[in-house]
Amino acid sequence: FHVPFCAKKCAYCSFYSGAYSGRTAQD
């Protein structure tokens, strides 16, 4: 399972992710 949320994007990371929100996480 790819969980695409981060509290903050690491400067070295190229994996797909975006900002966390409670509503989006439940969706």
mmCIF file of all heavy atoms, coordinates in Angstrom:
data_MODEL
# 
_entry.id   MODEL 
# 
loop_
_atom_site.group_PDB 
_atom_site.id 
_atom_site.type_symbol 
_atom_site.label_atom_id 
_atom_site.label_alt_id 
_atom_site.label_comp_id 
_atom_site.label_asym_id 
_atom_site.label_entity_id 
_atom_site.label_seq_id 
_atom_site.pdbx_PDB_ins_code 
_atom_site.Cartn_x 
_atom_site.Cartn_y 
_atom_site.Cartn_z 
_atom_site.occupancy 
_atom_site.B_iso_or_equiv 
_atom_site.pdbx_formal_charge 
_atom_site.auth_seq_id 
_atom_site.auth_comp_id 
_atom_site.auth_asym_id 
_atom_site.auth_atom_id 
_atom_site.pdbx_PDB_model_num 
ATOM 1   N N   . PHE A 1 1  ? 0.855   -1.188 0.000  1.00 0.00 ? 1  PHE A N   1 
ATOM 2   C CA  . PHE A 1 1  ? 0.000   0.000  0.000  1.00 0.00 ? 1  PHE A CA  1 
ATOM 3   C C   . PHE A 1 1  ? 0.891   1.237  0.000  1.00 0.00 ? 1  PHE A C   1 
ATOM 4   O O   . PHE A 1 1  ? 1.708   1.413  0.913  1.00 0.00 ? 1  PHE A O   1 
ATOM 5   C CB  . PHE A 1 1  ? -0.905  0.020  1.238  1.00 0.00 ? 1  PHE A CB  1 
ATOM 6   C CG  . PHE A 1 1  ? -1.814  -1.170 1.339  1.00 0.00 ? 1  PHE A CG  1 
ATOM 7   C CD1 . PHE A 1 1  ? -1.526  -2.208 2.221  1.00 0.00 ? 1  PHE A CD1 1 
ATOM 8   C CD2 . PHE A 1 1  ? -2.939  -1.273 0.546  1.00 0.00 ? 1  PHE A CD2 1 
ATOM 9   C CE1 . PHE A 1 1  ? -2.345  -3.309 2.316  1.00 0.00 ? 1  PHE A CE1 1 
ATOM 10  C CE2 . PHE A 1 1  ? -3.774  -2.376 0.634  1.00 0.00 ? 1  PHE A CE2 1 
ATOM 11  C CZ  . PHE A 1 1  ? -3.474  -3.399 1.519  1.00 0.00 ? 1  PHE A CZ  1 
ATOM 12  N N   . HIS A 1 2  ? 0.743   2.068  -1.034 1.00 0.00 ? 2  HIS A N   1 
ATOM 13  C CA  . HIS A 1 2  ? 1.488   3.320  -1.045 1.00 0.00 ? 2  HIS A CA  1 
ATOM 14  C C   . HIS A 1 2  ? 0.632   4.392  -0.389 1.00 0.00 ? 2  HIS A C   1 
ATOM 15  O O   . HIS A 1 2  ? -0.440  4.748  -0.897 1.00 0.00 ? 2  HIS A O   1 
ATOM 16  C CB  . HIS A 1 2  ? 1.870   3.747  -2.461 1.00 0.00 ? 2  HIS A CB  1 
ATOM 17  C CG  . HIS A 1 2  ? 2.777   4.937  -2.459 1.00 0.00 ? 2  HIS A CG  1 
ATOM 18  N ND1 . HIS A 1 2  ? 4.136   4.825  -2.219 1.00 0.00 ? 2  HIS A ND1 1 
ATOM 19  C CD2 . HIS A 1 2  ? 2.530   6.259  -2.610 1.00 0.00 ? 2  HIS A CD2 1 
ATOM 20  C CE1 . HIS A 1 2  ? 4.683   6.021  -2.235 1.00 0.00 ? 2  HIS A CE1 1 
ATOM 21  N NE2 . HIS A 1 2  ? 3.725   6.915  -2.461 1.00 0.00 ? 2  HIS A NE2 1 
ATOM 22  N N   . VAL A 1 3  ? 1.104   4.894  0.742  1.00 0.00 ? 3  VAL A N   1 
ATOM 23  C CA  . VAL A 1 3  ? 0.385   5.913  1.512  1.00 0.00 ? 3  VAL A CA  1 
ATOM 24  C C   . VAL A 1 3  ? 1.020   7.265  1.172  1.00 0.00 ? 3  VAL A C   1 
ATOM 25  O O   . VAL A 1 3  ? 2.143   7.549  1.601  1.00 0.00 ? 3  VAL A O   1 
ATOM 26  C CB  . VAL A 1 3  ? 0.468   5.629  3.021  1.00 0.00 ? 3  VAL A CB  1 
ATOM 27  C CG1 . VAL A 1 3  ? -0.355  6.654  3.793  1.00 0.00 ? 3  VAL A CG1 1 
ATOM 28  C CG2 . VAL A 1 3  ? -0.023  4.210  3.322  1.00 0.00 ? 3  VAL A CG2 1 
ATOM 29  N N   . PRO A 1 4  ? 0.330   8.109  0.411  1.00 0.00 ? 4  PRO A N   1 
ATOM 30  C CA  . PRO A 1 4  ? 0.982   9.259  -0.231 1.00 0.00 ? 4  PRO A CA  1 
ATOM 31  C C   . PRO A 1 4  ? 0.944   10.550 0.581  1.00 0.00 ? 4  PRO A C   1 
ATOM 32  O O   . PRO A 1 4  ? 0.726   11.632 0.027  1.00 0.00 ? 4  PRO A O   1 
ATOM 33  C CB  . PRO A 1 4  ? 0.164   9.415  -1.512 1.00 0.00 ? 4  PRO A CB  1 
ATOM 34  C CG  . PRO A 1 4  ? -1.222  9.058  -1.072 1.00 0.00 ? 4  PRO A CG  1 
ATOM 35  C CD  . PRO A 1 4  ? -1.061  7.954  -0.054 1.00 0.00 ? 4  PRO A CD  1 
ATOM 36  N N   . PHE A 1 5  ? 1.138   10.452 1.876  1.00 0.00 ? 5  PHE A N   1 
ATOM 37  C CA  . PHE A 1 5  ? 1.050   11.644 2.717  1.00 0.00 ? 5  PHE A CA  1 
ATOM 38  C C   . PHE A 1 5  ? 2.333   11.850 3.509  1.00 0.00 ? 5  PHE A C   1 
ATOM 39  O O   . PHE A 1 5  ? 2.932   10.887 4.012  1.00 0.00 ? 5  PHE A O   1 
ATOM 40  C CB  . PHE A 1 5  ? -0.119  11.532 3.703  1.00 0.00 ? 5  PHE A CB  1 
ATOM 41  C CG  . PHE A 1 5  ? -1.426  11.212 3.045  1.00 0.00 ? 5  PHE A CG  1 
ATOM 42  C CD1 . PHE A 1 5  ? -2.051  10.000 3.284  1.00 0.00 ? 5  PHE A CD1 1 
ATOM 43  C CD2 . PHE A 1 5  ? -2.029  12.117 2.189  1.00 0.00 ? 5  PHE A CD2 1 
ATOM 44  C CE1 . PHE A 1 5  ? -3.253  9.686  2.681  1.00 0.00 ? 5  PHE A CE1 1 
ATOM 45  C CE2 . PHE A 1 5  ? -3.236  11.809 1.571  1.00 0.00 ? 5  PHE A CE2 1 
ATOM 46  C CZ  . PHE A 1 5  ? -3.852  10.595 1.820  1.00 0.00 ? 5  PHE A CZ  1 
ATOM 47  N N   . CYS A 1 6  ? 2.731   13.109 3.640  1.00 0.00 ? 6  CYS A N   1 
ATOM 48  C CA  . CYS A 1 6  ? 3.858   13.474 4.494  1.00 0.00 ? 6  CYS A CA  1 
ATOM 49  C C   . CYS A 1 6  ? 3.510   14.753 5.238  1.00 0.00 ? 6  CYS A C   1 
ATOM 50  O O   . CYS A 1 6  ? 2.817   15.623 4.697  1.00 0.00 ? 6  CYS A O   1 
ATOM 51  C CB  . CYS A 1 6  ? 5.128   13.706 3.677  1.00 0.00 ? 6  CYS A CB  1 
ATOM 52  S SG  . CYS A 1 6  ? 5.911   12.194 3.077  1.00 0.00 ? 6  CYS A SG  1 
ATOM 53  N N   . ALA A 1 7  ? 3.984   14.859 6.483  1.00 0.00 ? 7  ALA A N   1 
ATOM 54  C CA  . ALA A 1 7  ? 3.817   16.112 7.205  1.00 0.00 ? 7  ALA A CA  1 
ATOM 55  C C   . ALA A 1 7  ? 4.686   17.187 6.563  1.00 0.00 ? 7  ALA A C   1 
ATOM 56  O O   . ALA A 1 7  ? 4.343   18.371 6.535  1.00 0.00 ? 7  ALA A O   1 
ATOM 57  C CB  . ALA A 1 7  ? 4.203   15.926 8.674  1.00 0.00 ? 7  ALA A CB  1 
ATOM 58  N N   . LYS A 1 8  ? 5.837   16.739 6.007  1.00 0.00 ? 8  LYS A N   1 
ATOM 59  C CA  . LYS A 1 8  ? 6.766   17.659 5.345  1.00 0.00 ? 8  LYS A CA  1 
ATOM 60  C C   . LYS A 1 8  ? 7.575   16.845 4.346  1.00 0.00 ? 8  LYS A C   1 
ATOM 61  O O   . LYS A 1 8  ? 8.055   15.766 4.666  1.00 0.00 ? 8  LYS A O   1 
ATOM 62  C CB  . LYS A 1 8  ? 7.696   18.305 6.381  1.00 0.00 ? 8  LYS A CB  1 
ATOM 63  C CG  . LYS A 1 8  ? 8.801   19.150 5.804  1.00 0.00 ? 8  LYS A CG  1 
ATOM 64  C CD  . LYS A 1 8  ? 9.757   19.579 6.908  1.00 0.00 ? 8  LYS A CD  1 
ATOM 65  C CE  . LYS A 1 8  ? 10.991  20.256 6.330  1.00 0.00 ? 8  LYS A CE  1 
ATOM 66  N NZ  . LYS A 1 8  ? 11.988  20.544 7.379  1.00 0.00 ? 8  LYS A NZ  1 
ATOM 67  N N   . LYS A 1 9  ? 7.734   17.364 3.146  1.00 0.00 ? 9  LYS A N   1 
ATOM 68  C CA  . LYS A 1 9  ? 8.480   16.659 2.107  1.00 0.00 ? 9  LYS A CA  1 
ATOM 69  C C   . LYS A 1 9  ? 9.976   16.780 2.376  1.00 0.00 ? 9  LYS A C   1 
ATOM 70  O O   . LYS A 1 9  ? 10.503  17.869 2.527  1.00 0.00 ? 9  LYS A O   1 
ATOM 71  C CB  . LYS A 1 9  ? 8.155   17.251 0.735  1.00 0.00 ? 9  LYS A CB  1 
ATOM 72  C CG  . LYS A 1 9  ? 8.792   16.515 -0.440 1.00 0.00 ? 9  LYS A CG  1 
ATOM 73  C CD  . LYS A 1 9  ? 8.069   15.233 -0.750 1.00 0.00 ? 9  LYS A CD  1 
ATOM 74  C CE  . LYS A 1 9  ? 8.554   14.609 -2.039 1.00 0.00 ? 9  LYS A CE  1 
ATOM 75  N NZ  . LYS A 1 9  ? 7.845   13.361 -2.372 1.00 0.00 ? 9  LYS A NZ  1 
ATOM 76  N N   . CYS A 1 10 ? 10.660  15.629 2.438  1.00 0.00 ? 10 CYS A N   1 
ATOM 77  C CA  . CYS A 1 10 ? 12.109  15.649 2.631  1.00 0.00 ? 10 CYS A CA  1 
ATOM 78  C C   . CYS A 1 10 ? 12.785  16.122 1.349  1.00 0.00 ? 10 CYS A C   1 
ATOM 79  O O   . CYS A 1 10 ? 12.373  15.758 0.244  1.00 0.00 ? 10 CYS A O   1 
ATOM 80  C CB  . CYS A 1 10 ? 12.617  14.260 3.016  1.00 0.00 ? 10 CYS A CB  1 
ATOM 81  S SG  . CYS A 1 10 ? 12.097  13.734 4.664  1.00 0.00 ? 10 CYS A SG  1 
ATOM 82  N N   . ALA A 1 11 ? 13.844  16.906 1.517  1.00 0.00 ? 11 ALA A N   1 
ATOM 83  C CA  . ALA A 1 11 ? 14.490  17.566 0.382  1.00 0.00 ? 11 ALA A CA  1 
ATOM 84  C C   . ALA A 1 11 ? 15.159  16.591 -0.577 1.00 0.00 ? 11 ALA A C   1 
ATOM 85  O O   . ALA A 1 11 ? 15.417  16.928 -1.725 1.00 0.00 ? 11 ALA A O   1 
ATOM 86  C CB  . ALA A 1 11 ? 15.516  18.578 0.892  1.00 0.00 ? 11 ALA A CB  1 
ATOM 87  N N   . TYR A 1 12 ? 15.434  15.357 -0.112 1.00 0.00 ? 12 TYR A N   1 
ATOM 88  C CA  . TYR A 1 12 ? 16.125  14.376 -0.936 1.00 0.00 ? 12 TYR A CA  1 
ATOM 89  C C   . TYR A 1 12 ? 15.178  13.352 -1.557 1.00 0.00 ? 12 TYR A C   1 
ATOM 90  O O   . TYR A 1 12 ? 15.593  12.518 -2.359 1.00 0.00 ? 12 TYR A O   1 
ATOM 91  C CB  . TYR A 1 12 ? 17.171  13.622 -0.106 1.00 0.00 ? 12 TYR A CB  1 
ATOM 92  C CG  . TYR A 1 12 ? 16.607  13.019 1.159  1.00 0.00 ? 12 TYR A CG  1 
ATOM 93  C CD1 . TYR A 1 12 ? 15.962  11.789 1.145  1.00 0.00 ? 12 TYR A CD1 1 
ATOM 94  C CD2 . TYR A 1 12 ? 16.694  13.691 2.376  1.00 0.00 ? 12 TYR A CD2 1 
ATOM 95  C CE1 . TYR A 1 12 ? 15.410  11.246 2.292  1.00 0.00 ? 12 TYR A CE1 1 
ATOM 96  C CE2 . TYR A 1 12 ? 16.153  13.154 3.531  1.00 0.00 ? 12 TYR A CE2 1 
ATOM 97  C CZ  . TYR A 1 12 ? 15.524  11.941 3.489  1.00 0.00 ? 12 TYR A CZ  1 
ATOM 98  O OH  . TYR A 1 12 ? 14.975  11.410 4.633  1.00 0.00 ? 12 TYR A OH  1 
ATOM 99  N N   . CYS A 1 13 ? 13.904  13.392 -1.215 1.00 0.00 ? 13 CYS A N   1 
ATOM 100 C CA  . CYS A 1 13 ? 12.976  12.313 -1.558 1.00 0.00 ? 13 CYS A CA  1 
ATOM 101 C C   . CYS A 1 13 ? 12.295  12.555 -2.898 1.00 0.00 ? 13 CYS A C   1 
ATOM 102 O O   . CYS A 1 13 ? 11.745  13.638 -3.144 1.00 0.00 ? 13 CYS A O   1 
ATOM 103 C CB  . CYS A 1 13 ? 11.919  12.177 -0.462 1.00 0.00 ? 13 CYS A CB  1 
ATOM 104 S SG  . CYS A 1 13 ? 10.731  10.854 -0.785 1.00 0.00 ? 13 CYS A SG  1 
ATOM 105 N N   . SER A 1 14 ? 12.303  11.510 -3.744 1.00 0.00 ? 14 SER A N   1 
ATOM 106 C CA  . SER A 1 14 ? 11.631  11.595 -5.045 1.00 0.00 ? 14 SER A CA  1 
ATOM 107 C C   . SER A 1 14 ? 10.387  10.713 -5.101 1.00 0.00 ? 14 SER A C   1 
ATOM 108 O O   . SER A 1 14 ? 9.739   10.634 -6.149 1.00 0.00 ? 14 SER A O   1 
ATOM 109 C CB  . SER A 1 14 ? 12.592  11.191 -6.164 1.00 0.00 ? 14 SER A CB  1 
ATOM 110 O OG  . SER A 1 14 ? 13.009  9.846  -6.006 1.00 0.00 ? 14 SER A OG  1 
ATOM 111 N N   . PHE A 1 15 ? 10.046  10.037 -4.002 1.00 0.00 ? 15 PHE A N   1 
ATOM 112 C CA  . PHE A 1 15 ? 8.842   9.215  -3.993 1.00 0.00 ? 15 PHE A CA  1 
ATOM 113 C C   . PHE A 1 15 ? 7.601   10.100 -4.016 1.00 0.00 ? 15 PHE A C   1 
ATOM 114 O O   . PHE A 1 15 ? 7.613   11.218 -3.485 1.00 0.00 ? 15 PHE A O   1 
ATOM 115 C CB  . PHE A 1 15 ? 8.801   8.309  -2.756 1.00 0.00 ? 15 PHE A CB  1 
ATOM 116 C CG  . PHE A 1 15 ? 9.840   7.231  -2.769 1.00 0.00 ? 15 PHE A CG  1 
ATOM 117 C CD1 . PHE A 1 15 ? 10.803  7.158  -1.775 1.00 0.00 ? 15 PHE A CD1 1 
ATOM 118 C CD2 . PHE A 1 15 ? 9.870   6.287  -3.768 1.00 0.00 ? 15 PHE A CD2 1 
ATOM 119 C CE1 . PHE A 1 15 ? 11.766  6.175  -1.783 1.00 0.00 ? 15 PHE A CE1 1 
ATOM 120 C CE2 . PHE A 1 15 ? 10.824  5.285  -3.791 1.00 0.00 ? 15 PHE A CE2 1 
ATOM 121 C CZ  . PHE A 1 15 ? 11.767  5.232  -2.792 1.00 0.00 ? 15 PHE A CZ  1 
ATOM 122 N N   . TYR A 1 16 ? 6.538   9.586  -4.604 1.00 0.00 ? 16 TYR A N   1 
ATOM 123 C CA  . TYR A 1 16 ? 5.324   10.385 -4.719 1.00 0.00 ? 16 TYR A CA  1 
ATOM 124 C C   . TYR A 1 16 ? 4.670   10.576 -3.352 1.00 0.00 ? 16 TYR A C   1 
ATOM 125 O O   . TYR A 1 16 ? 4.396   9.607  -2.629 1.00 0.00 ? 16 TYR A O   1 
ATOM 126 C CB  . TYR A 1 16 ? 4.318   9.712  -5.668 1.00 0.00 ? 16 TYR A CB  1 
ATOM 127 C CG  . TYR A 1 16 ? 3.030   10.484 -5.765 1.00 0.00 ? 16 TYR A CG  1 
ATOM 128 C CD1 . TYR A 1 16 ? 2.960   11.645 -6.526 1.00 0.00 ? 16 TYR A CD1 1 
ATOM 129 C CD2 . TYR A 1 16 ? 1.907   10.088 -5.059 1.00 0.00 ? 16 TYR A CD2 1 
ATOM 130 C CE1 . TYR A 1 16 ? 1.791   12.389 -6.601 1.00 0.00 ? 16 TYR A CE1 1 
ATOM 131 C CE2 . TYR A 1 16 ? 0.726   10.816 -5.122 1.00 0.00 ? 16 TYR A CE2 1 
ATOM 132 C CZ  . TYR A 1 16 ? 0.679   11.963 -5.891 1.00 0.00 ? 16 TYR A CZ  1 
ATOM 133 O OH  . TYR A 1 16 ? -0.478  12.705 -5.952 1.00 0.00 ? 16 TYR A OH  1 
ATOM 134 N N   . SER A 1 17 ? 4.414   11.830 -2.997 1.00 0.00 ? 17 SER A N   1 
ATOM 135 C CA  . SER A 1 17 ? 3.682   12.133 -1.760 1.00 0.00 ? 17 SER A CA  1 
ATOM 136 C C   . SER A 1 17 ? 3.196   13.570 -1.821 1.00 0.00 ? 17 SER A C   1 
ATOM 137 O O   . SER A 1 17 ? 3.677   14.377 -2.620 1.00 0.00 ? 17 SER A O   1 
ATOM 138 C CB  . SER A 1 17 ? 4.560   11.932 -0.520 1.00 0.00 ? 17 SER A CB  1 
ATOM 139 O OG  . SER A 1 17 ? 5.613   12.877 -0.487 1.00 0.00 ? 17 SER A OG  1 
ATOM 140 N N   . GLY A 1 18 ? 2.230   13.871 -0.943 1.00 0.00 ? 18 GLY A N   1 
ATOM 141 C CA  . GLY A 1 18 ? 1.698   15.222 -0.841 1.00 0.00 ? 18 GLY A CA  1 
ATOM 142 C C   . GLY A 1 18 ? 1.371   15.530 0.603  1.00 0.00 ? 18 GLY A C   1 
ATOM 143 O O   . GLY A 1 18 ? 1.593   14.720 1.507  1.00 0.00 ? 18 GLY A O   1 
ATOM 144 N N   . ALA A 1 19 ? 0.821   16.692 0.832  1.00 0.00 ? 19 ALA A N   1 
ATOM 145 C CA  . ALA A 1 19 ? 0.514   17.128 2.193  1.00 0.00 ? 19 ALA A CA  1 
ATOM 146 C C   . ALA A 1 19 ? -0.598  16.286 2.804  1.00 0.00 ? 19 ALA A C   1 
ATOM 147 O O   . ALA A 1 19 ? -1.533  15.860 2.114  1.00 0.00 ? 19 ALA A O   1 
ATOM 148 C CB  . ALA A 1 19 ? 0.119   18.601 2.192  1.00 0.00 ? 19 ALA A CB  1 
ATOM 149 N N   . TYR A 1 20 ? -0.489  16.059 4.102  1.00 0.00 ? 20 TYR A N   1 
ATOM 150 C CA  . TYR A 1 20 ? -1.491  15.276 4.826  1.00 0.00 ? 20 TYR A CA  1 
ATOM 151 C C   . TYR A 1 20 ? -2.672  16.165 5.209  1.00 0.00 ? 20 TYR A C   1 
ATOM 152 O O   . TYR A 1 20 ? -2.507  17.311 5.630  1.00 0.00 ? 20 TYR A O   1 
ATOM 153 C CB  . TYR A 1 20 ? -0.870  14.688 6.100  1.00 0.00 ? 20 TYR A CB  1 
ATOM 154 C CG  . TYR A 1 20 ? -1.895  14.058 7.022  1.00 0.00 ? 20 TYR A CG  1 
ATOM 155 C CD1 . TYR A 1 20 ? -2.322  12.757 6.819  1.00 0.00 ? 20 TYR A CD1 1 
ATOM 156 C CD2 . TYR A 1 20 ? -2.455  14.787 8.070  1.00 0.00 ? 20 TYR A CD2 1 
ATOM 157 C CE1 . TYR A 1 20 ? -3.277  12.172 7.647  1.00 0.00 ? 20 TYR A CE1 1 
ATOM 158 C CE2 . TYR A 1 20 ? -3.410  14.215 8.905  1.00 0.00 ? 20 TYR A CE2 1 
ATOM 159 C CZ  . TYR A 1 20 ? -3.817  12.912 8.690  1.00 0.00 ? 20 TYR A CZ  1 
ATOM 160 O OH  . TYR A 1 20 ? -4.762  12.346 9.501  1.00 0.00 ? 20 TYR A OH  1 
ATOM 161 N N   . SER A 1 21 ? -3.872  15.618 5.041  1.00 0.00 ? 21 SER A N   1 
ATOM 162 C CA  . SER A 1 21 ? -5.069  16.214 5.645  1.00 0.00 ? 21 SER A CA  1 
ATOM 163 C C   . SER A 1 21 ? -5.957  15.076 6.107  1.00 0.00 ? 21 SER A C   1 
ATOM 164 O O   . SER A 1 21 ? -6.002  14.017 5.462  1.00 0.00 ? 21 SER A O   1 
ATOM 165 C CB  . SER A 1 21 ? -5.817  17.122 4.661  1.00 0.00 ? 21 SER A CB  1 
ATOM 166 O OG  . SER A 1 21 ? -6.640  16.366 3.798  1.00 0.00 ? 21 SER A OG  1 
ATOM 167 N N   . GLY A 1 22 ? -6.653  15.273 7.209  1.00 0.00 ? 22 GLY A N   1 
ATOM 168 C CA  . GLY A 1 22 ? -7.480  14.212 7.770  1.00 0.00 ? 22 GLY A CA  1 
ATOM 169 C C   . GLY A 1 22 ? -8.554  13.734 6.818  1.00 0.00 ? 22 GLY A C   1 
ATOM 170 O O   . GLY A 1 22 ? -8.792  12.527 6.678  1.00 0.00 ? 22 GLY A O   1 
ATOM 171 N N   . ARG A 1 23 ? -9.215  14.657 6.115  1.00 0.00 ? 23 ARG A N   1 
ATOM 172 C CA  . ARG A 1 23 ? -10.292 14.292 5.192  1.00 0.00 ? 23 ARG A CA  1 
ATOM 173 C C   . ARG A 1 23 ? -9.744  13.493 4.004  1.00 0.00 ? 23 ARG A C   1 
ATOM 174 O O   . ARG A 1 23 ? -10.312 12.456 3.617  1.00 0.00 ? 23 ARG A O   1 
ATOM 175 C CB  . ARG A 1 23 ? -11.004 15.550 4.699  1.00 0.00 ? 23 ARG A CB  1 
ATOM 176 C CG  . ARG A 1 23 ? -12.049 15.301 3.622  1.00 0.00 ? 23 ARG A CG  1 
ATOM 177 C CD  . ARG A 1 23 ? -13.151 14.354 4.136  1.00 0.00 ? 23 ARG A CD  1 
ATOM 178 N NE  . ARG A 1 23 ? -14.098 14.030 3.083  1.00 0.00 ? 23 ARG A NE  1 
ATOM 179 C CZ  . ARG A 1 23 ? -15.200 14.757 2.823  1.00 0.00 ? 23 ARG A CZ  1 
ATOM 180 N NH1 . ARG A 1 23 ? -15.443 15.852 3.508  1.00 0.00 ? 23 ARG A NH1 1 
ATOM 181 N NH2 . ARG A 1 23 ? -16.030 14.377 1.876  1.00 0.00 ? 23 ARG A NH2 1 
ATOM 182 N N   . THR A 1 24 ? -8.640  13.965 3.447  1.00 0.00 ? 24 THR A N   1 
ATOM 183 C CA  . THR A 1 24 ? -8.063  13.267 2.304  1.00 0.00 ? 24 THR A CA  1 
ATOM 184 C C   . THR A 1 24 ? -7.581  11.873 2.699  1.00 0.00 ? 24 THR A C   1 
ATOM 185 O O   . THR A 1 24 ? -7.723  10.912 1.935  1.00 0.00 ? 24 THR A O   1 
ATOM 186 C CB  . THR A 1 24 ? -6.899  14.080 1.706  1.00 0.00 ? 24 THR A CB  1 
ATOM 187 O OG1 . THR A 1 24 ? -7.356  15.395 1.403  1.00 0.00 ? 24 THR A OG1 1 
ATOM 188 C CG2 . THR A 1 24 ? -6.361  13.431 0.439  1.00 0.00 ? 24 THR A CG2 1 
ATOM 189 N N   . ALA A 1 25 ? -7.017  11.761 3.902  1.00 0.00 ? 25 ALA A N   1 
ATOM 190 C CA  . ALA A 1 25 ? -6.543  10.461 4.363  1.00 0.00 ? 25 ALA A CA  1 
ATOM 191 C C   . ALA A 1 25 ? -7.682  9.462  4.467  1.00 0.00 ? 25 ALA A C   1 
ATOM 192 O O   . ALA A 1 25 ? -7.541  8.293  4.080  1.00 0.00 ? 25 ALA A O   1 
ATOM 193 C CB  . ALA A 1 25 ? -5.832  10.609 5.709  1.00 0.00 ? 25 ALA A CB  1 
ATOM 194 N N   . GLN A 1 26 ? -8.835  9.898  4.974  1.00 0.00 ? 26 GLN A N   1 
ATOM 195 C CA  . GLN A 1 26 ? -9.971  8.981  5.080  1.00 0.00 ? 26 GLN A CA  1 
ATOM 196 C C   . GLN A 1 26 ? -10.513 8.624  3.700  1.00 0.00 ? 26 GLN A C   1 
ATOM 197 O O   . GLN A 1 26 ? -10.891 7.468  3.462  1.00 0.00 ? 26 GLN A O   1 
ATOM 198 C CB  . GLN A 1 26 ? -11.075 9.593  5.940  1.00 0.00 ? 26 GLN A CB  1 
ATOM 199 C CG  . GLN A 1 26 ? -12.210 8.617  6.252  1.00 0.00 ? 26 GLN A CG  1 
ATOM 200 C CD  . GLN A 1 26 ? -11.718 7.322  6.886  1.00 0.00 ? 26 GLN A CD  1 
ATOM 201 O OE1 . GLN A 1 26 ? -10.980 7.332  7.874  1.00 0.00 ? 26 GLN A OE1 1 
ATOM 202 N NE2 . GLN A 1 26 ? -12.106 6.177  6.309  1.00 0.00 ? 26 GLN A NE2 1 
ATOM 203 N N   . ASP A 1 27 ? -10.527 9.580  2.792  1.00 0.00 ? 27 ASP A N   1 
ATOM 204 C CA  . ASP A 1 27 ? -10.948 9.281  1.420  1.00 0.00 ? 27 ASP A CA  1 
ATOM 205 C C   . ASP A 1 27 ? -9.990  8.285  0.780  1.00 0.00 ? 27 ASP A C   1 
ATOM 206 O O   . ASP A 1 27 ? -10.409 7.396  0.011  1.00 0.00 ? 27 ASP A O   1 
ATOM 207 C CB  . ASP A 1 27 ? -10.996 10.565 0.595  1.00 0.00 ? 27 ASP A CB  1 
ATOM 208 C CG  . ASP A 1 27 ? -12.154 11.479 0.994  1.00 0.00 ? 27 ASP A CG  1 
ATOM 209 O OD1 . ASP A 1 27 ? -13.093 10.988 1.652  1.00 0.00 ? 27 ASP A OD1 1 
ATOM 210 O OD2 . ASP A 1 27 ? -12.107 12.669 0.649  1.00 0.00 ? 27 ASP A OD2 1 
# 
